[in-house]
Amino acid sequence: TTITRGGTTRYPDSVKGRFTISRDNAKNTVYLQM
């Protein structure tokens, strides 16, 4: 999965609907909820 600096996300079909990417710029951290 990808999350752009603008917050746009992309997922392949294999994980779409199951995985979620997010980012917290204040914490300099990216997350992957599976």
PDB file of all heavy atoms in Angstrom:
ATOM      1  N   THR A   1       0.832  -1.197   0.000  1.00  0.00           N
ATOM      2  CA  THR A   1       0.000   0.000   0.000  1.00  0.00           C
ATOM      3  C   THR A   1       0.865   1.246   0.000  1.00  0.00           C
ATOM      4  O   THR A   1       2.036   1.201   0.391  1.00  0.00           O
ATOM      5  CB  THR A   1      -0.945   0.014   1.211  1.00  0.00           C
ATOM      6  OG1 THR A   1      -1.737   1.210   1.201  1.00  0.00           O
ATOM      7  CG2 THR A   1      -0.178  -0.035   2.520  1.00  0.00           C
ATOM      8  N   THR A   2       0.281   2.334  -0.437  1.00  0.00           N
ATOM      9  CA  THR A   2       0.957   3.628  -0.504  1.00  0.00           C
ATOM     10  C   THR A   2       0.065   4.698   0.089  1.00  0.00           C
ATOM     11  O   THR A   2      -1.165   4.668  -0.082  1.00  0.00           O
ATOM     12  CB  THR A   2       1.233   4.014  -1.970  1.00  0.00           C
ATOM     13  OG1 THR A   2       2.111   3.078  -2.555  1.00  0.00           O
ATOM     14  CG2 THR A   2       1.833   5.398  -2.066  1.00  0.00           C
ATOM     15  N   ILE A   3       0.699   5.654   0.764  1.00  0.00           N
ATOM     16  CA  ILE A   3       0.015   6.884   1.130  1.00  0.00           C
ATOM     17  C   ILE A   3       0.924   8.032   0.716  1.00  0.00           C
ATOM     18  O   ILE A   3       2.088   8.094   1.103  1.00  0.00           O
ATOM     19  CB  ILE A   3      -0.357   6.944   2.624  1.00  0.00           C
ATOM     20  CG1 ILE A   3      -1.180   8.200   2.918  1.00  0.00           C
ATOM     21  CG2 ILE A   3       0.864   6.846   3.531  1.00  0.00           C
ATOM     22  CD1 ILE A   3      -1.891   8.156   4.274  1.00  0.00           C
ATOM     23  N   THR A   4       0.414   8.901  -0.123  1.00  0.00           N
ATOM     24  CA  THR A   4       1.224  10.008  -0.600  1.00  0.00           C
ATOM     25  C   THR A   4       1.328  11.089   0.471  1.00  0.00           C
ATOM     26  O   THR A   4       0.616  11.058   1.480  1.00  0.00           O
ATOM     27  CB  THR A   4       0.628  10.613  -1.867  1.00  0.00           C
ATOM     28  OG1 THR A   4      -0.609  11.263  -1.531  1.00  0.00           O
ATOM     29  CG2 THR A   4       0.378   9.548  -2.925  1.00  0.00           C
ATOM     30  N   ARG A   5       2.194  12.058   0.211  1.00  0.00           N
ATOM     31  CA  ARG A   5       2.317  13.151   1.180  1.00  0.00           C
ATOM     32  C   ARG A   5       1.023  13.938   1.273  1.00  0.00           C
ATOM     33  O   ARG A   5       0.785  14.575   2.298  1.00  0.00           O
ATOM     34  CB  ARG A   5       3.473  14.057   0.780  1.00  0.00           C
ATOM     35  CG  ARG A   5       3.362  14.657  -0.611  1.00  0.00           C
ATOM     36  CD  ARG A   5       4.631  15.418  -0.941  1.00  0.00           C
ATOM     37  NE  ARG A   5       4.605  15.952  -2.308  1.00  0.00           N
ATOM     38  CZ  ARG A   5       5.599  16.644  -2.835  1.00  0.00           C
ATOM     39  NH1 ARG A   5       6.680  16.889  -2.136  1.00  0.00           N
ATOM     40  NH2 ARG A   5       5.499  17.080  -4.070  1.00  0.00           N
ATOM     41  N   GLY A   6       0.200  13.865   0.240  1.00  0.00           N
ATOM     42  CA  GLY A   6      -1.091  14.537   0.270  1.00  0.00           C
ATOM     43  C   GLY A   6      -2.200  13.706   0.890  1.00  0.00           C
ATOM     44  O   GLY A   6      -3.334  14.174   1.017  1.00  0.00           O
ATOM     45  N   GLY A   7      -1.895  12.448   1.243  1.00  0.00           N
ATOM     46  CA  GLY A   7      -2.876  11.596   1.898  1.00  0.00           C
ATOM     47  C   GLY A   7      -3.624  10.648   0.988  1.00  0.00           C
ATOM     48  O   GLY A   7      -4.498   9.904   1.444  1.00  0.00           O
ATOM     49  N   THR A   8      -3.277  10.624  -0.300  1.00  0.00           N
ATOM     50  CA  THR A   8      -3.919   9.682  -1.212  1.00  0.00           C
ATOM     51  C   THR A   8      -3.392   8.278  -0.959  1.00  0.00           C
ATOM     52  O   THR A   8      -2.194   8.083  -0.810  1.00  0.00           O
ATOM     53  CB  THR A   8      -3.642  10.074  -2.670  1.00  0.00           C
ATOM     54  OG1 THR A   8      -4.163  11.386  -2.904  1.00  0.00           O
ATOM     55  CG2 THR A   8      -4.312   9.095  -3.623  1.00  0.00           C
ATOM     56  N   THR A   9      -4.305   7.315  -0.919  1.00  0.00           N
ATOM     57  CA  THR A   9      -3.914   5.937  -0.645  1.00  0.00           C
ATOM     58  C   THR A   9      -4.212   5.039  -1.837  1.00  0.00           C
ATOM     59  O   THR A   9      -5.121   5.306  -2.635  1.00  0.00           O
ATOM     60  CB  THR A   9      -4.656   5.398   0.586  1.00  0.00           C
ATOM     61  OG1 THR A   9      -6.070   5.469   0.361  1.00  0.00           O
ATOM     62  CG2 THR A   9      -4.301   6.203   1.823  1.00  0.00           C
ATOM     63  N   ARG A  10      -3.436   3.994  -1.947  1.00  0.00           N
ATOM     64  CA  ARG A  10      -3.630   3.003  -3.011  1.00  0.00           C
ATOM     65  C   ARG A  10      -3.372   1.625  -2.446  1.00  0.00           C
ATOM     66  O   ARG A  10      -2.460   1.440  -1.618  1.00  0.00           O
ATOM     67  CB  ARG A  10      -2.687   3.258  -4.196  1.00  0.00           C
ATOM     68  CG  ARG A  10      -3.019   4.506  -4.989  1.00  0.00           C
ATOM     69  CD  ARG A  10      -2.208   4.552  -6.272  1.00  0.00           C
ATOM     70  NE  ARG A  10      -0.807   4.821  -6.016  1.00  0.00           N
ATOM     71  CZ  ARG A  10      -0.269   6.023  -5.953  1.00  0.00           C
ATOM     72  NH1 ARG A  10      -1.028   7.095  -6.102  1.00  0.00           N
ATOM     73  NH2 ARG A  10       1.031   6.183  -5.752  1.00  0.00           N
ATOM     74  N   TYR A  11      -4.179   0.668  -2.916  1.00  0.00           N
ATOM     75  CA  TYR A  11      -4.071  -0.713  -2.462  1.00  0.00           C
ATOM     76  C   TYR A  11      -4.219  -1.658  -3.641  1.00  0.00           C
ATOM     77  O   TYR A  11      -5.075  -1.453  -4.493  1.00  0.00           O
ATOM     78  CB  TYR A  11      -5.182  -1.048  -1.451  1.00  0.00           C
ATOM     79  CG  TYR A  11      -5.271  -0.141  -0.263  1.00  0.00           C
ATOM     80  CD1 TYR A  11      -6.060   1.011  -0.290  1.00  0.00           C
ATOM     81  CD2 TYR A  11      -4.565  -0.428   0.905  1.00  0.00           C
ATOM     82  CE1 TYR A  11      -6.145   1.846   0.807  1.00  0.00           C
ATOM     83  CE2 TYR A  11      -4.643   0.399   2.006  1.00  0.00           C
ATOM     84  CZ  TYR A  11      -5.435   1.538   1.945  1.00  0.00           C
ATOM     85  OH  TYR A  11      -5.513   2.360   3.041  1.00  0.00           O
ATOM     86  N   PRO A  12      -3.452  -2.742  -3.658  1.00  0.00           N
ATOM     87  CA  PRO A  12      -3.708  -3.772  -4.654  1.00  0.00           C
ATOM     88  C   PRO A  12      -4.950  -4.557  -4.253  1.00  0.00           C
ATOM     89  O   PRO A  12      -5.384  -4.522  -3.094  1.00  0.00           O
ATOM     90  CB  PRO A  12      -2.454  -4.642  -4.590  1.00  0.00           C
ATOM     91  CG  PRO A  12      -1.974  -4.489  -3.183  1.00  0.00           C
ATOM     92  CD  PRO A  12      -2.313  -3.081  -2.788  1.00  0.00           C
ATOM     93  N   ASP A  13      -5.508  -5.273  -5.201  1.00  0.00           N
ATOM     94  CA  ASP A  13      -6.733  -6.035  -4.925  1.00  0.00           C
ATOM     95  C   ASP A  13      -6.540  -7.060  -3.810  1.00  0.00           C
ATOM     96  O   ASP A  13      -7.478  -7.393  -3.096  1.00  0.00           O
ATOM     97  CB  ASP A  13      -7.207  -6.743  -6.196  1.00  0.00           C
ATOM     98  CG  ASP A  13      -7.766  -5.773  -7.228  1.00  0.00           C
ATOM     99  OD1 ASP A  13      -8.082  -4.625  -6.843  1.00  0.00           O
ATOM    100  OD2 ASP A  13      -7.878  -6.166  -8.398  1.00  0.00           O
ATOM    101  N   SER A  14      -5.318  -7.558  -3.654  1.00  0.00           N
ATOM    102  CA  SER A  14      -5.057  -8.616  -2.674  1.00  0.00           C
ATOM    103  C   SER A  14      -5.301  -8.164  -1.235  1.00  0.00           C
ATOM    104  O   SER A  14      -5.552  -8.996  -0.356  1.00  0.00           O
ATOM    105  CB  SER A  14      -3.626  -9.134  -2.813  1.00  0.00           C
ATOM    106  OG  SER A  14      -2.703  -8.075  -2.645  1.00  0.00           O
ATOM    107  N   VAL A  15      -5.227  -6.867  -0.974  1.00  0.00           N
ATOM    108  CA  VAL A  15      -5.402  -6.382   0.395  1.00  0.00           C
ATOM    109  C   VAL A  15      -6.521  -5.354   0.516  1.00  0.00           C
ATOM    110  O   VAL A  15      -6.862  -4.948   1.632  1.00  0.00           O
ATOM    111  CB  VAL A  15      -4.102  -5.780   0.959  1.00  0.00           C
ATOM    112  CG1 VAL A  15      -2.956  -6.771   0.842  1.00  0.00           C
ATOM    113  CG2 VAL A  15      -3.749  -4.464   0.305  1.00  0.00           C
ATOM    114  N   LYS A  16      -7.089  -4.944  -0.592  1.00  0.00           N
ATOM    115  CA  LYS A  16      -8.119  -3.906  -0.568  1.00  0.00           C
ATOM    116  C   LYS A  16      -9.294  -4.354   0.286  1.00  0.00           C
ATOM    117  O   LYS A  16      -9.763  -5.486   0.180  1.00  0.00           O
ATOM    118  CB  LYS A  16      -8.575  -3.600  -1.996  1.00  0.00           C
ATOM    119  CG  LYS A  16      -9.374  -2.329  -2.145  1.00  0.00           C
ATOM    120  CD  LYS A  16      -9.668  -2.052  -3.615  1.00  0.00           C
ATOM    121  CE  LYS A  16      -8.414  -1.771  -4.401  1.00  0.00           C
ATOM    122  NZ  LYS A  16      -8.683  -1.454  -5.819  1.00  0.00           N
ATOM    123  N   GLY A  17      -9.738  -3.473   1.155  1.00  0.00           N
ATOM    124  CA  GLY A  17     -10.839  -3.792   2.054  1.00  0.00           C
ATOM    125  C   GLY A  17     -10.411  -4.452   3.344  1.00  0.00           C
ATOM    126  O   GLY A  17     -11.207  -4.560   4.281  1.00  0.00           O
ATOM    127  N   ARG A  18      -9.169  -4.888   3.411  1.00  0.00           N
ATOM    128  CA  ARG A  18      -8.665  -5.527   4.637  1.00  0.00           C
ATOM    129  C   ARG A  18      -7.569  -4.701   5.303  1.00  0.00           C
ATOM    130  O   ARG A  18      -7.444  -4.698   6.523  1.00  0.00           O
ATOM    131  CB  ARG A  18      -8.111  -6.926   4.320  1.00  0.00           C
ATOM    132  CG  ARG A  18      -9.124  -7.862   3.709  1.00  0.00           C
ATOM    133  CD  ARG A  18      -8.556  -9.288   3.590  1.00  0.00           C
ATOM    134  NE  ARG A  18      -7.381  -9.365   2.734  1.00  0.00           N
ATOM    135  CZ  ARG A  18      -6.192  -9.824   3.130  1.00  0.00           C
ATOM    136  NH1 ARG A  18      -6.009 -10.232   4.370  1.00  0.00           N
ATOM    137  NH2 ARG A  18      -5.173  -9.879   2.267  1.00  0.00           N
ATOM    138  N   PHE A  19      -6.755  -4.042   4.525  1.00  0.00           N
ATOM    139  CA  PHE A  19      -5.633  -3.263   5.036  1.00  0.00           C
ATOM    140  C   PHE A  19      -5.933  -1.766   4.900  1.00  0.00           C
ATOM    141  O   PHE A  19      -6.545  -1.339   3.914  1.00  0.00           O
ATOM    142  CB  PHE A  19      -4.362  -3.569   4.269  1.00  0.00           C
ATOM    143  CG  PHE A  19      -3.774  -4.936   4.505  1.00  0.00           C
ATOM    144  CD1 PHE A  19      -4.470  -5.926   5.167  1.00  0.00           C
ATOM    145  CD2 PHE A  19      -2.495  -5.231   4.050  1.00  0.00           C
ATOM    146  CE1 PHE A  19      -3.920  -7.180   5.388  1.00  0.00           C
ATOM    147  CE2 PHE A  19      -1.917  -6.473   4.254  1.00  0.00           C
ATOM    148  CZ  PHE A  19      -2.642  -7.454   4.913  1.00  0.00           C
ATOM    149  N   THR A  20      -5.453  -1.001   5.869  1.00  0.00           N
ATOM    150  CA  THR A  20      -5.607   0.449   5.824  1.00  0.00           C
ATOM    151  C   THR A  20      -4.298   1.107   6.231  1.00  0.00           C
ATOM    152  O   THR A  20      -3.765   0.808   7.301  1.00  0.00           O
ATOM    153  CB  THR A  20      -6.723   0.924   6.760  1.00  0.00           C
ATOM    154  OG1 THR A  20      -7.950   0.270   6.423  1.00  0.00           O
ATOM    155  CG2 THR A  20      -6.908   2.432   6.651  1.00  0.00           C
ATOM    156  N   ILE A  21      -3.809   1.978   5.378  1.00  0.00           N
ATOM    157  CA  ILE A  21      -2.613   2.740   5.703  1.00  0.00           C
ATOM    158  C   ILE A  21      -3.026   4.123   6.185  1.00  0.00           C
ATOM    159  O   ILE A  21      -4.014   4.696   5.705  1.00  0.00           O
ATOM    160  CB  ILE A  21      -1.664   2.846   4.482  1.00  0.00           C
ATOM    161  CG1 ILE A  21      -0.318   3.435   4.882  1.00  0.00           C
ATOM    162  CG2 ILE A  21      -2.306   3.630   3.337  1.00  0.00           C
ATOM    163  CD1 ILE A  21       0.736   3.376   3.784  1.00  0.00           C
ATOM    164  N   SER A  22      -2.281   4.649   7.142  1.00  0.00           N
ATOM    165  CA  SER A  22      -2.516   6.002   7.620  1.00  0.00           C
ATOM    166  C   SER A  22      -1.186   6.597   8.058  1.00  0.00           C
ATOM    167  O   SER A  22      -0.206   5.870   8.231  1.00  0.00           O
ATOM    168  CB  SER A  22      -3.517   6.011   8.777  1.00  0.00           C
ATOM    169  OG  SER A  22      -3.035   5.255   9.869  1.00  0.00           O
ATOM    170  N   ARG A  23      -1.180   7.888   8.215  1.00  0.00           N
ATOM    171  CA  ARG A  23       0.051   8.546   8.650  1.00  0.00           C
ATOM    172  C   ARG A  23      -0.276   9.634   9.654  1.00  0.00           C
ATOM    173  O   ARG A  23      -1.343  10.251   9.589  1.00  0.00           O
ATOM    174  CB  ARG A  23       0.803   9.119   7.449  1.00  0.00           C
ATOM    175  CG  ARG A  23       0.117  10.252   6.718  1.00  0.00           C
ATOM    176  CD  ARG A  23       0.825  10.590   5.397  1.00  0.00           C
ATOM    177  NE  ARG A  23       2.192  11.042   5.628  1.00  0.00           N
ATOM    178  CZ  ARG A  23       3.146  11.042   4.670  1.00  0.00           C
ATOM    179  NH1 ARG A  23       2.869  10.601   3.457  1.00  0.00           N
ATOM    180  NH2 ARG A  23       4.351  11.498   4.957  1.00  0.00           N
ATOM    181  N   ASP A  24       0.676   9.853  10.543  1.00  0.00           N
ATOM    182  CA  ASP A  24       0.581  10.928  11.527  1.00  0.00           C
ATOM    183  C   ASP A  24       1.844  11.761  11.367  1.00  0.00           C
ATOM    184  O   ASP A  24       2.912  11.383  11.868  1.00  0.00           O
ATOM    185  CB  ASP A  24       0.456  10.347  12.934  1.00  0.00           C
ATOM    186  CG  ASP A  24       0.220  11.405  13.990  1.00  0.00           C
ATOM    187  OD1 ASP A  24       0.585  12.577  13.762  1.00  0.00           O
ATOM    188  OD2 ASP A  24      -0.305  11.071  15.056  1.00  0.00           O
ATOM    189  N   ASN A  25       1.726  12.864  10.659  1.00  0.00           N
ATOM    190  CA  ASN A  25       2.911  13.680  10.393  1.00  0.00           C
ATOM    191  C   ASN A  25       3.473  14.309  11.669  1.00  0.00           C
ATOM    192  O   ASN A  25       4.673  14.581  11.745  1.00  0.00           O
ATOM    193  CB  ASN A  25       2.572  14.759   9.375  1.00  0.00           C
ATOM    194  CG  ASN A  25       2.367  14.193   7.976  1.00  0.00           C
ATOM    195  OD1 ASN A  25       2.788  13.078   7.673  1.00  0.00           O
ATOM    196  ND2 ASN A  25       1.696  14.969   7.127  1.00  0.00           N
ATOM    197  N   ALA A  26       2.644  14.517  12.654  1.00  0.00           N
ATOM    198  CA  ALA A  26       3.129  15.076  13.916  1.00  0.00           C
ATOM    199  C   ALA A  26       4.025  14.088  14.660  1.00  0.00           C
ATOM    200  O   ALA A  26       4.919  14.493  15.409  1.00  0.00           O
ATOM    201  CB  ALA A  26       1.961  15.484  14.798  1.00  0.00           C
ATOM    202  N   LYS A  27       3.783  12.795  14.427  1.00  0.00           N
ATOM    203  CA  LYS A  27       4.577  11.749  15.085  1.00  0.00           C
ATOM    204  C   LYS A  27       5.587  11.116  14.145  1.00  0.00           C
ATOM    205  O   LYS A  27       6.281  10.170  14.528  1.00  0.00           O
ATOM    206  CB  LYS A  27       3.656  10.671  15.650  1.00  0.00           C
ATOM    207  CG  LYS A  27       2.744  11.171  16.763  1.00  0.00           C
ATOM    208  CD  LYS A  27       1.901  10.031  17.327  1.00  0.00           C
ATOM    209  CE  LYS A  27       1.024  10.533  18.468  1.00  0.00           C
ATOM    210  NZ  LYS A  27       0.174   9.451  19.045  1.00  0.00           N
ATOM    211  N   ASN A  28       5.636  11.612  12.895  1.00  0.00           N
ATOM    212  CA  ASN A  28       6.575  11.055  11.910  1.00  0.00           C
ATOM    213  C   ASN A  28       6.422   9.544  11.761  1.00  0.00           C
ATOM    214  O   ASN A  28       7.415   8.810  11.647  1.00  0.00           O
ATOM    215  CB  ASN A  28       8.026  11.393  12.277  1.00  0.00           C
ATOM    216  CG  ASN A  28       8.290  12.875  12.285  1.00  0.00           C
ATOM    217  OD1 ASN A  28       7.677  13.632  11.528  1.00  0.00           O
ATOM    218  ND2 ASN A  28       9.198  13.314  13.138  1.00  0.00           N
ATOM    219  N   THR A  29       5.190   9.102  11.748  1.00  0.00           N
ATOM    220  CA  THR A  29       4.914   7.681  11.775  1.00  0.00           C
ATOM    221  C   THR A  29       3.832   7.320  10.755  1.00  0.00           C
ATOM    222  O   THR A  29       2.861   8.065  10.572  1.00  0.00           O
ATOM    223  CB  THR A  29       4.457   7.244  13.177  1.00  0.00           C
ATOM    224  OG1 THR A  29       5.506   7.531  14.119  1.00  0.00           O
ATOM    225  CG2 THR A  29       4.152   5.758  13.231  1.00  0.00           C
ATOM    226  N   VAL A  30       4.036   6.171  10.127  1.00  0.00           N
ATOM    227  CA  VAL A  30       3.030   5.612   9.240  1.00  0.00           C
ATOM    228  C   VAL A  30       2.562   4.287   9.836  1.00  0.00           C
ATOM    229  O   VAL A  30       3.350   3.567  10.465  1.00  0.00           O
ATOM    230  CB  VAL A  30       3.574   5.433   7.808  1.00  0.00           C
ATOM    231  CG1 VAL A  30       4.732   4.449   7.758  1.00  0.00           C
ATOM    232  CG2 VAL A  30       2.475   5.025   6.847  1.00  0.00           C
ATOM    233  N   TYR A  31       1.287   3.999   9.641  1.00  0.00           N
ATOM    234  CA  TYR A  31       0.688   2.810  10.225  1.00  0.00           C
ATOM    235  C   TYR A  31       0.099   1.925   9.134  1.00  0.00           C
ATOM    236  O   TYR A  31      -0.293   2.391   8.067  1.00  0.00           O
ATOM    237  CB  TYR A  31      -0.427   3.194  11.198  1.00  0.00           C
ATOM    238  CG  TYR A  31       0.007   4.126  12.298  1.00  0.00           C
ATOM    239  CD1 TYR A  31      -0.178   5.500  12.186  1.00  0.00           C
ATOM    240  CD2 TYR A  31       0.626   3.640  13.443  1.00  0.00           C
ATOM    241  CE1 TYR A  31       0.215   6.362  13.189  1.00  0.00           C
ATOM    242  CE2 TYR A  31       1.027   4.493  14.454  1.00  0.00           C
ATOM    243  CZ  TYR A  31       0.826   5.865  14.317  1.00  0.00           C
ATOM    244  OH  TYR A  31       1.238   6.719  15.320  1.00  0.00           O
ATOM    245  N   LEU A  32       0.011   0.638   9.458  1.00  0.00           N
ATOM    246  CA  LEU A  32      -0.687  -0.295   8.588  1.00  0.00           C
ATOM    247  C   LEU A  32      -1.596  -1.151   9.462  1.00  0.00           C
ATOM    248  O   LEU A  32      -1.111  -1.993  10.221  1.00  0.00           O
ATOM    249  CB  LEU A  32       0.300  -1.175   7.819  1.00  0.00           C
ATOM    250  CG  LEU A  32      -0.343  -2.196   6.883  1.00  0.00           C
ATOM    251  CD1 LEU A  32      -1.131  -1.490   5.779  1.00  0.00           C
ATOM    252  CD2 LEU A  32       0.719  -3.100   6.258  1.00  0.00           C
ATOM    253  N   GLN A  33      -2.882  -0.901   9.348  1.00  0.00           N
ATOM    254  CA  GLN A  33      -3.875  -1.706  10.048  1.00  0.00           C
ATOM    255  C   GLN A  33      -4.257  -2.870   9.141  1.00  0.00           C
ATOM    256  O   GLN A  33      -4.708  -2.647   8.009  1.00  0.00           O
ATOM    257  CB  GLN A  33      -5.111  -0.871  10.380  1.00  0.00           C
ATOM    258  CG  GLN A  33      -6.223  -1.655  11.059  1.00  0.00           C
ATOM    259  CD  GLN A  33      -5.837  -2.126  12.453  1.00  0.00           C
ATOM    260  OE1 GLN A  33      -5.263  -1.378  13.230  1.00  0.00           O
ATOM    261  NE2 GLN A  33      -6.173  -3.375  12.765  1.00  0.00           N
ATOM    262  N   MET A  34      -4.067  -4.070   9.630  1.00  0.00           N
ATOM    263  CA  MET A  34      -4.341  -5.266   8.838  1.00  0.00           C
ATOM    264  C   MET A  34      -5.428  -6.081   9.533  1.00  0.00           C
ATOM    265  O   MET A  34      -5.223  -6.541  10.663  1.00  0.00           O
ATOM    266  CB  MET A  34      -3.071  -6.105   8.675  1.00  0.00           C
ATOM    267  CG  MET A  34      -1.904  -5.322   8.080  1.00  0.00           C
ATOM    268  SD  MET A  34      -0.464  -6.362   7.738  1.00  0.00           S
ATOM    269  CE  MET A  34       0.015  -6.804   9.398  1.00  0.00           C
TER     270      MET A  34
END
